[in-house]
Amino acid sequence: MFSLLCGEHMGWAQRQFVYADRHPAAVDCDMPGTGWLIATPSRCVMAPTSTT
C-alpha cells in the first residue's frame, strides 16, 4: 500500500501503524510502477520496464 500524507495525517499514521521508513515526497513517489527501495537511505524507485 502506498500513500502520500500531510504532516497532520502522518502523525495519525505514526500512532496507528508500524512502518519501515518515510521520506519527503519526490517526483517518482506517486508514479505508477514505483516501489520502495530498502537501502540507506530508503527511497522510492521506478521499477525497470521491459523493452520486448
Protein backbone atom coordinates (compact mmCIF):
# COMPACT_ATOMS: atom_id res chain seq x y z
CA MET A 1 0.00 0.00 0.00
CA PHE A 2 1.24 3.48 -0.81
CA SER A 3 0.02 6.89 0.25
CA LEU A 4 1.18 10.48 0.34
CA LEU A 5 0.37 12.09 3.68
CA CYS A 6 0.44 15.63 5.03
CA GLY A 7 2.09 16.28 8.41
CA GLU A 8 -1.18 16.04 10.34
CA HIS A 9 -2.13 12.71 8.82
CA MET A 10 1.44 11.36 9.11
CA GLY A 11 1.19 11.92 12.86
CA TRP A 12 -2.02 9.87 12.91
CA ALA A 13 -0.38 7.09 10.85
CA GLN A 14 2.61 7.01 13.24
CA ARG A 15 0.24 6.39 16.15
CA GLN A 16 -1.77 3.69 14.31
CA PHE A 17 0.69 1.67 12.22
CA VAL A 18 4.15 0.16 12.25
CA TYR A 19 6.09 1.17 9.15
CA ALA A 20 9.63 0.72 7.86
CA ASP A 21 10.60 4.28 6.97
CA ARG A 22 9.42 7.55 5.46
CA HIS A 23 10.82 10.45 3.47
CA PRO A 24 9.65 13.70 1.90
CA ALA A 25 7.76 13.04 -1.33
CA ALA A 26 9.66 13.40 -4.60
CA VAL A 27 8.59 13.28 -8.25
CA ASP A 28 8.89 9.46 -8.51
CA CYS A 29 6.96 8.67 -5.31
CA ASP A 30 3.41 8.58 -6.67
CA MET A 31 4.14 7.35 -10.22
CA PRO A 32 2.59 4.05 -11.42
CA GLY A 33 5.14 1.25 -11.04
CA THR A 34 7.00 2.92 -8.16
CA GLY A 35 8.44 0.65 -5.48
CA TRP A 36 10.23 1.10 -2.15
CA LEU A 37 13.98 0.51 -2.11
CA ILE A 38 15.10 -0.72 1.30
CA ALA A 39 18.57 0.79 1.46
CA THR A 40 20.37 3.59 3.22
CA PRO A 41 18.68 5.93 2.67
CA SER A 42 15.36 4.26 1.81
CA ARG A 43 13.60 5.84 -1.16
CA CYS A 44 11.02 5.39 -3.91
CA VAL A 45 12.29 4.00 -7.20
CA MET A 46 10.76 3.28 -10.57
CA ALA A 47 10.52 -0.40 -11.45
CA PRO A 48 12.51 -1.44 -14.52
CA THR A 49 10.43 -1.73 -17.68
CA SER A 50 10.78 -4.34 -20.39
CA THR A 51 11.55 -3.24 -23.95
CA THR A 52 10.46 -6.52 -25.50
